[in-house]
Structure formats: C-alpha cells, structure tokens
Amino acid sequence: MFRAQLSQFFPPKPAFTEADVPSQDAKVFIVTGGSSGIGLELSKILYQKDGRVYIAGRSESKVRQAIQEIRDVTPASLGSLEYLHLDLADLSTIKRAVDDFKARESRLHVLWNNAGVSQPPLGSVSEQGIELQLATNCLGPFLFTYLLLPLLKSTAAAEATKDSSSVRVIWTASQMIELSAPKEGIVMSELRTPTKDTTRNYVNSKTGNLFLATELARRQQPHEPVIISASLNPGAASTSLFRHTPMMRYLAWPLLHSAKLAALTQLYAGLSGDITIEKNGCYLVPWGRIAGASGNAGLRKDLVDATKAVEDGGTGKAAEFWDWCVDNIKEFQ
C-alpha cells in the first residue's frame, strides 16, 4: 500500500507524451474544465496535434481567453478550438449544452470529464440542492455523458474498422480515494445527507467517478460498438482546484507537480494504444500507467470488489451508485 501510494506521489518519468501522438486531424474532442490547469494543458496538446477541440465551461470569457492563449503558442495548428457552454452544477442546463454540440458536430471521439470542484465552503449546493462536489464532479458529468452516448456509439461504429478502442470517456478521480475512502468506497446514505466534512464529501465524489467509469464499461453489450471508459488519478498538480483551500496548497507544495505532467496522464488515457478493449474500465495512475498492470500496484481490493457486480463476486456498490445517479438525472434527460 505504502509503495503504491509513494509511486503516485513521485511517479516515474512519463512513457507517453505529446511526441508519441500522431496527427489528430478529423478527430473531435471535448475537454470539460479546459480553460485552466490540467484541462488547459491537455487542450494545448490536442490542438497542437490538429484536433478539433471543444473546451466546455461556465465562463465564456475564461474559455475564450484560454483559446487565445492556446492559439498564440501554436499558430501553425490545422486544428480548431471551440467554446461550449456547460454548467455542471445545474442539471437543467446540460441537455442544452449537448444539443448545442450535436448541432455543430456529428462525431465525438473522446470526452474528458476533467472539470471538478474541491472543498467549497461547507453547505455549498448545486441548483438542484445537491452537495456541490457530488453534483459538479459526478451528477453533471454523468448526465452530460449519458446524453452524449448515442453520438459516442455512432462514432465508435464508424471507427470500428480503423481502431476499435479509439472512442473513449475519461473520468477524473483522485489518489484520495485510495487514501481516504471508506470500505467499499461510498456510504450511500451520505449522498442523501452529506457529512460536515468537505474532504469526505470530495472523496465520495471522486470515488463516484471511479464507479461511473467501471459501470459504463461493464454495462456495454457485446453487440454494441465499444466505448472505452477509464478513470484516473491525474497526479498531484498545482491547479485552481485548490482555490478554496489555499493552506492545503501551501502544505502540499513539496508533493505538487506541474499541470503539464498531470495532463500527460489524461493524454495517455484518451489516446494511448495501451488501453485496449480488454482494458475497458481500467484505472490509471501518473503519468500514464494502468493500475495493476506491468508491475504497477493495483487499487485497494475493497474498491476493486465494489466495482464488480454481485454475480461476479463483488459487492455491487458501483452498480448501486450508477442507479442512484440515473434516478437523479431522470427529469433532465
């Protein structure tokens, strides 16, 4: 356990970087939270590689500023950068964002659910009255992904003869789930009645990302086009995620890395050929390693068991969380 966590705080040199990525011409990507931090660095790479990149976020001014910054450093790109308005903390607006995207695009190759919030003031809630971290980090991305699934499936069907694992959904978890999550990951009653501990509520939301990734992979049918679903700990990076906890940023400073390095974990998840159909549902660690593969330490056993269905010898906790999410997005589909 100790060695596994140490290797995530101080990872080996990345084996997959932008130098390993061929042209992404004709590929369409969405990066939520792409106007700053890890998402911004990822968007830079995708645009540099000629991808058509949609940066999704609430603030149009911040996204357009990021778009200009990216264009300034990569003037020769053949790709494009687009703004997509998306407020993950308000479920009533998400279908509008999906409809806007579908009006502009007929394909989607990779969706990076990168945006998130960490430890806002206690009592912060979404427009629907749900604890803000759970809403922004789980329910919003879940509804966004759920509504985009038909487009992802049609893209996967069209790409099947070229690369059967090129269409992907990436969910951003955290090393905190291994360090702090309770046994089996989530206490379901805490979703309905959040704790008074903002860190615990954050861990619930990040464990939820792990569960949604494994469930999306598990629930795919054999006759359907394959959508790769993976979750990851991008790595400890100095980003705006610490905006509500400046003291934590100060204390964690010796362990923090650049957002560019953490973006390589996201890049690996979305584009590496290592993540095949057989690896669907996998969990990744910095700076692009599959947990439990090639000598890398795996997730805590109780978390692995939680991702498995009861009929497969697991506890079914991930399936229970998925069903809870479905119940909470029904009226917004």
Protein backbone atom coordinates (compact mmCIF):
# COMPACT_ATOMS: atom_id res chain seq x y z
CA MET A 1 0.00 0.00 0.00
CA PHE A 2 2.74 2.47 1.03
CA ARG A 3 4.85 1.77 -2.06
CA ALA A 4 1.83 2.07 -4.32
CA GLN A 5 0.96 5.49 -2.94
CA LEU A 6 4.58 6.66 -2.97
CA SER A 7 4.83 5.82 -6.67
CA GLN A 8 1.84 8.07 -7.31
CA PHE A 9 3.27 10.97 -5.34
CA PHE A 10 6.62 10.55 -7.09
CA PRO A 11 5.89 8.79 -10.39
CA PRO A 12 8.48 7.52 -12.84
CA LYS A 13 9.21 9.52 -15.97
CA PRO A 14 6.23 9.53 -18.38
CA ALA A 15 6.50 6.92 -21.12
CA PHE A 16 3.78 8.54 -23.27
CA THR A 17 3.99 12.22 -24.19
CA GLU A 18 2.78 14.51 -26.96
CA ALA A 19 5.74 13.31 -29.02
CA ASP A 20 4.05 9.90 -29.22
CA VAL A 21 0.76 11.30 -30.53
CA PRO A 22 0.24 11.37 -34.31
CA SER A 23 -1.90 13.97 -36.04
CA GLN A 24 -5.44 14.06 -34.67
CA ASP A 25 -6.81 15.68 -37.80
CA ALA A 26 -10.54 14.86 -38.18
CA LYS A 27 -10.82 13.84 -34.52
CA VAL A 28 -13.33 15.65 -32.29
CA PHE A 29 -12.71 16.09 -28.58
CA ILE A 30 -14.45 17.64 -25.58
CA VAL A 31 -12.44 18.73 -22.55
CA THR A 32 -14.52 19.95 -19.61
CA GLY A 33 -12.72 22.46 -17.45
CA GLY A 34 -10.26 23.11 -20.25
CA SER A 35 -9.72 26.79 -19.55
CA SER A 36 -7.14 26.29 -16.79
CA GLY A 37 -4.82 23.82 -15.14
CA ILE A 38 -4.68 20.25 -16.38
CA GLY A 39 -7.50 20.75 -18.87
CA LEU A 40 -5.77 23.74 -20.44
CA GLU A 41 -2.52 21.83 -20.86
CA LEU A 42 -4.39 18.88 -22.38
CA SER A 43 -6.26 21.17 -24.77
CA LYS A 44 -2.95 22.69 -25.89
CA ILE A 45 -1.61 19.27 -26.85
CA LEU A 46 -4.78 18.21 -28.68
CA TYR A 47 -4.85 21.45 -30.67
CA GLN A 48 -1.13 21.18 -31.39
CA LYS A 49 -1.89 17.76 -32.88
CA ASP A 50 -4.56 19.25 -35.18
CA GLY A 51 -7.59 18.04 -33.22
CA ARG A 52 -10.97 19.76 -33.18
CA VAL A 53 -11.20 20.67 -29.50
CA TYR A 54 -14.28 21.85 -27.63
CA ILE A 55 -13.43 23.48 -24.32
CA ALA A 56 -16.52 23.21 -22.13
CA GLY A 57 -17.04 25.53 -19.20
CA ARG A 58 -19.31 28.02 -17.46
CA SER A 59 -17.37 31.21 -18.11
CA GLU A 60 -17.25 32.21 -21.76
CA SER A 61 -14.66 34.90 -21.07
CA LYS A 62 -12.29 32.45 -19.36
CA VAL A 63 -12.65 29.86 -22.11
CA ARG A 64 -12.12 32.42 -24.87
CA GLN A 65 -9.06 33.74 -23.06
CA ALA A 66 -7.72 30.18 -22.89
CA ILE A 67 -8.48 29.65 -26.58
CA GLN A 68 -6.50 32.76 -27.48
CA GLU A 69 -3.61 31.65 -25.26
CA ILE A 70 -3.51 28.26 -26.97
CA ARG A 71 -3.65 29.79 -30.45
CA ASP A 72 -0.84 32.18 -29.59
CA VAL A 73 1.54 29.35 -28.67
CA THR A 74 0.51 27.06 -31.56
CA PRO A 75 -0.09 29.32 -34.57
CA ALA A 76 0.61 26.59 -37.14
CA SER A 77 -2.04 24.11 -35.97
CA LEU A 78 -4.53 22.77 -38.50
CA GLY A 79 -7.00 22.06 -35.71
CA SER A 80 -9.74 24.20 -34.22
CA LEU A 81 -10.78 25.42 -30.79
CA GLU A 82 -14.42 25.95 -29.85
CA TYR A 83 -16.27 27.18 -26.78
CA LEU A 84 -19.10 25.04 -25.40
CA HIS A 85 -21.16 26.49 -22.57
CA LEU A 86 -21.53 23.89 -19.81
CA ASP A 87 -22.57 24.37 -16.19
CA LEU A 88 -22.13 21.03 -14.44
CA ALA A 89 -23.66 22.39 -11.24
CA ASP A 90 -27.05 22.93 -12.92
CA LEU A 91 -28.55 19.76 -14.38
CA SER A 92 -31.31 21.74 -16.10
CA THR A 93 -28.77 23.34 -18.48
CA ILE A 94 -26.81 20.27 -19.56
CA LYS A 95 -29.15 19.00 -22.27
CA ARG A 96 -28.92 22.43 -23.88
CA ALA A 97 -25.13 22.07 -24.00
CA VAL A 98 -25.42 18.63 -25.59
CA ASP A 99 -27.93 19.89 -28.16
CA ASP A 100 -25.58 22.77 -28.98
CA PHE A 101 -22.70 20.36 -29.52
CA LYS A 102 -24.78 17.98 -31.65
CA ALA A 103 -25.91 20.87 -33.82
CA ARG A 104 -22.26 21.54 -34.64
CA GLU A 105 -20.79 18.03 -34.76
CA SER A 106 -21.81 14.58 -35.98
CA ARG A 107 -18.94 12.77 -34.22
CA LEU A 108 -17.21 12.66 -30.85
CA HIS A 109 -14.07 10.62 -30.32
CA VAL A 110 -13.02 11.37 -26.75
CA LEU A 111 -14.82 13.05 -23.87
CA TRP A 112 -12.59 14.07 -20.99
CA ASN A 113 -14.66 14.67 -17.86
CA ASN A 114 -11.89 16.77 -16.39
CA ALA A 115 -13.70 19.64 -14.63
CA GLY A 116 -14.21 19.49 -10.91
CA VAL A 117 -14.53 21.35 -7.65
CA SER A 118 -12.78 20.59 -4.38
CA GLN A 119 -13.80 21.52 -0.85
CA PRO A 120 -16.01 24.57 -1.39
CA PRO A 121 -17.46 26.20 1.74
CA LEU A 122 -19.44 23.73 3.83
CA GLY A 123 -23.09 23.73 2.82
CA SER A 124 -22.46 24.64 -0.83
CA VAL A 125 -25.09 23.06 -3.07
CA SER A 126 -25.97 22.90 -6.75
CA GLU A 127 -29.00 24.50 -8.39
CA GLN A 128 -30.86 21.27 -7.59
CA GLY A 129 -29.85 21.39 -3.92
CA ILE A 130 -27.29 18.57 -4.13
CA GLU A 131 -23.96 18.80 -2.31
CA LEU A 132 -21.84 20.82 -4.73
CA GLN A 133 -18.92 18.41 -5.14
CA LEU A 134 -21.19 15.44 -5.79
CA ALA A 135 -23.23 17.47 -8.28
CA THR A 136 -20.30 19.02 -10.16
CA ASN A 137 -17.93 16.05 -10.09
CA CYS A 138 -20.45 13.21 -10.61
CA LEU A 139 -24.05 14.00 -11.50
CA GLY A 140 -23.26 16.75 -14.01
CA PRO A 141 -20.63 14.72 -15.88
CA PHE A 142 -22.86 11.63 -15.71
CA LEU A 143 -25.80 13.42 -17.33
CA PHE A 144 -23.50 15.05 -19.90
CA THR A 145 -22.01 11.66 -20.79
CA TYR A 146 -25.38 9.89 -20.74
CA LEU A 147 -26.82 12.35 -23.27
CA LEU A 148 -23.74 12.06 -25.49
CA LEU A 149 -23.73 8.24 -25.53
CA PRO A 150 -25.71 7.90 -28.81
CA LEU A 151 -23.17 10.13 -30.56
CA LEU A 152 -20.24 8.28 -28.99
CA LYS A 153 -21.74 4.95 -30.10
CA SER A 154 -22.28 6.09 -33.68
CA THR A 155 -18.71 7.40 -33.80
CA ALA A 156 -17.42 4.09 -32.43
CA ALA A 157 -19.38 2.20 -35.08
CA ALA A 158 -17.87 4.35 -37.83
CA GLU A 159 -14.34 3.93 -36.42
CA ALA A 160 -14.59 0.19 -35.70
CA THR A 161 -12.70 -0.93 -38.79
CA LYS A 162 -9.85 1.52 -38.11
CA ASP A 163 -9.44 1.40 -34.33
CA SER A 164 -11.99 -0.34 -32.14
CA SER A 165 -10.73 1.38 -28.99
CA SER A 166 -10.45 4.99 -30.19
CA VAL A 167 -13.75 6.29 -28.80
CA ARG A 168 -13.43 6.94 -25.08
CA VAL A 169 -14.88 8.57 -21.99
CA ILE A 170 -12.36 9.56 -19.32
CA TRP A 171 -13.40 10.21 -15.73
CA THR A 172 -11.14 12.16 -13.38
CA ALA A 173 -10.84 10.57 -9.94
CA SER A 174 -8.14 11.21 -7.33
CA GLN A 175 -5.49 9.49 -5.25
CA MET A 176 -7.66 10.49 -2.29
CA ILE A 177 -10.00 7.59 -2.97
CA GLU A 178 -7.24 5.13 -2.07
CA LEU A 179 -6.06 7.16 0.90
CA SER A 180 -9.38 8.18 2.44
CA ALA A 181 -12.40 6.38 1.01
CA PRO A 182 -14.32 4.18 3.47
CA LYS A 183 -14.58 0.46 2.87
CA GLU A 184 -16.34 -0.22 -0.45
CA GLY A 185 -15.81 3.42 -1.42
CA ILE A 186 -19.09 5.18 -0.67
CA VAL A 187 -21.59 5.17 2.17
CA MET A 188 -24.78 5.63 0.17
CA SER A 189 -26.64 7.46 2.95
CA GLU A 190 -24.03 10.23 2.74
CA LEU A 191 -25.19 11.06 -0.78
CA ARG A 192 -28.62 11.98 0.53
CA THR A 193 -27.32 13.55 3.76
CA PRO A 194 -23.81 14.96 3.19
CA THR A 195 -21.34 14.88 6.05
CA LYS A 196 -19.98 18.01 7.74
CA ASP A 197 -16.55 17.07 6.39
CA THR A 198 -15.90 18.66 2.98
CA THR A 199 -12.93 16.34 2.38
CA ARG A 200 -15.11 13.27 2.94
CA ASN A 201 -17.71 14.69 0.53
CA TYR A 202 -14.97 15.29 -2.04
CA VAL A 203 -13.74 11.72 -1.70
CA ASN A 204 -17.30 10.46 -2.21
CA SER A 205 -17.49 12.36 -5.48
CA LYS A 206 -14.13 11.11 -6.71
CA THR A 207 -14.96 7.52 -5.79
CA GLY A 208 -18.14 8.09 -7.77
CA ASN A 209 -16.01 8.85 -10.83
CA LEU A 210 -14.26 5.50 -10.44
CA PHE A 211 -17.62 3.76 -10.14
CA LEU A 212 -19.14 5.50 -13.16
CA ALA A 213 -16.13 4.56 -15.28
CA THR A 214 -16.26 0.88 -14.39
CA GLU A 215 -20.04 0.71 -14.72
CA LEU A 216 -20.08 2.35 -18.15
CA ALA A 217 -17.59 -0.29 -19.27
CA ARG A 218 -19.45 -3.16 -17.58
CA ARG A 219 -22.89 -2.26 -18.90
CA GLN A 220 -21.91 -2.26 -22.58
CA GLN A 221 -23.47 -5.08 -24.57
CA PRO A 222 -21.44 -7.46 -26.78
CA HIS A 223 -23.29 -6.38 -29.94
CA GLU A 224 -22.69 -2.65 -29.32
CA PRO A 225 -19.79 -0.57 -30.67
CA VAL A 226 -17.14 -0.34 -27.96
CA ILE A 227 -16.70 2.82 -25.94
CA ILE A 228 -13.62 2.68 -23.73
CA SER A 229 -14.33 4.04 -20.26
CA ALA A 230 -11.47 4.69 -17.87
CA SER A 231 -10.84 6.66 -14.69
CA LEU A 232 -7.62 8.07 -13.36
CA ASN A 233 -5.63 9.84 -10.73
CA PRO A 234 -4.05 12.53 -12.92
CA GLY A 235 -1.37 13.24 -10.34
CA ALA A 236 -0.91 15.88 -7.67
CA ALA A 237 -0.66 19.17 -9.53
CA SER A 238 -0.76 22.81 -8.55
CA THR A 239 -4.04 23.96 -10.13
CA SER A 240 -7.10 26.08 -9.36
CA LEU A 241 -8.63 23.02 -7.67
CA PHE A 242 -7.00 24.43 -4.52
CA ARG A 243 -8.81 27.78 -4.82
CA HIS A 244 -10.99 27.02 -1.80
CA THR A 245 -8.12 25.61 0.28
CA PRO A 246 -5.02 27.82 -0.13
CA MET A 247 -3.48 26.47 3.08
CA MET A 248 -3.66 22.93 1.70
CA ARG A 249 -1.83 24.07 -1.43
CA TYR A 250 0.89 25.54 0.79
CA LEU A 251 1.22 22.38 2.88
CA ALA A 252 1.14 20.08 -0.15
CA TRP A 253 3.57 22.17 -2.18
CA PRO A 254 6.53 19.71 -1.90
CA LEU A 255 4.32 16.98 -3.43
CA LEU A 256 2.84 19.06 -6.25
CA HIS A 257 3.90 18.76 -9.88
CA SER A 258 3.17 20.82 -12.97
CA ALA A 259 -0.24 20.75 -14.63
CA LYS A 260 1.55 19.73 -17.84
CA LEU A 261 2.73 16.47 -16.28
CA ALA A 262 -0.76 15.69 -14.98
CA ALA A 263 -2.13 16.41 -18.45
CA LEU A 264 0.03 13.57 -19.75
CA THR A 265 -1.99 11.15 -17.60
CA GLN A 266 -5.15 12.46 -19.27
CA LEU A 267 -3.48 12.27 -22.69
CA TYR A 268 -2.47 8.66 -22.10
CA ALA A 269 -5.99 7.77 -21.00
CA GLY A 270 -7.57 9.29 -24.07
CA LEU A 271 -5.14 8.37 -26.83
CA SER A 272 -2.70 5.61 -25.84
CA GLY A 273 -2.93 2.34 -27.73
CA ASP A 274 -2.19 0.51 -24.47
CA ILE A 275 -5.82 0.88 -23.43
CA THR A 276 -7.46 -1.81 -25.49
CA ILE A 277 -10.93 -3.34 -25.28
CA GLU A 278 -9.55 -5.86 -22.78
CA LYS A 279 -8.57 -2.95 -20.50
CA ASN A 280 -12.01 -1.31 -20.60
CA GLY A 281 -12.91 0.06 -17.18
CA CYS A 282 -9.27 0.37 -16.09
CA TYR A 283 -7.88 2.83 -13.55
CA LEU A 284 -4.79 4.87 -14.40
CA VAL A 285 -2.11 6.49 -12.28
CA PRO A 286 0.53 9.18 -13.02
CA TRP A 287 1.94 9.81 -15.56
CA GLY A 288 0.11 7.26 -17.65
CA ARG A 289 0.22 3.76 -16.13
CA ILE A 290 -2.53 1.16 -15.83
CA ALA A 291 -3.05 0.21 -12.19
CA GLY A 292 -2.45 -3.50 -11.66
CA ALA A 293 -0.65 -3.97 -14.99
CA SER A 294 3.05 -4.39 -15.81
CA GLY A 295 4.10 -4.47 -12.19
CA ASN A 296 2.10 -1.38 -11.22
CA ALA A 297 0.25 -1.67 -7.93
CA GLY A 298 -3.50 -2.04 -8.24
CA LEU A 299 -6.38 -0.35 -6.46
CA ARG A 300 -7.36 -1.30 -2.93
CA LYS A 301 -9.07 -4.69 -3.00
CA ASP A 302 -12.26 -3.41 -1.39
CA LEU A 303 -12.56 -0.76 -4.12
CA VAL A 304 -11.99 -3.36 -6.82
CA ASP A 305 -14.66 -5.56 -5.22
CA ALA A 306 -17.02 -2.57 -5.13
CA THR A 307 -16.69 -2.14 -8.90
CA LYS A 308 -17.75 -5.73 -9.56
CA ALA A 309 -21.35 -6.90 -9.78
CA VAL A 310 -22.65 -9.21 -7.05
CA GLU A 311 -23.00 -12.03 -9.59
CA ASP A 312 -19.30 -11.61 -10.41
CA GLY A 313 -18.20 -11.91 -6.79
CA GLY A 314 -18.21 -8.22 -5.99
CA THR A 315 -20.32 -6.08 -3.69
CA GLY A 316 -22.24 -4.25 -6.42
CA LYS A 317 -21.57 -0.84 -4.86
CA ALA A 318 -20.67 0.76 -8.20
CA ALA A 319 -23.90 -0.51 -9.75
CA GLU A 320 -25.83 0.89 -6.80
CA PHE A 321 -24.18 4.29 -7.28
CA TRP A 322 -24.90 4.24 -11.04
CA ASP A 323 -28.57 3.54 -10.33
CA TRP A 324 -28.64 6.40 -7.81
CA CYS A 325 -27.25 8.73 -10.47
CA VAL A 326 -29.84 7.55 -13.02
CA ASP A 327 -32.63 8.30 -10.56
CA ASN A 328 -31.30 11.81 -10.01
CA ILE A 329 -30.99 12.78 -13.69
CA LYS A 330 -34.29 11.35 -14.96
CA GLU A 331 -36.16 14.62 -15.20
CA PHE A 332 -33.29 16.32 -17.04
CA GLN A 333 -32.74 13.87 -19.93
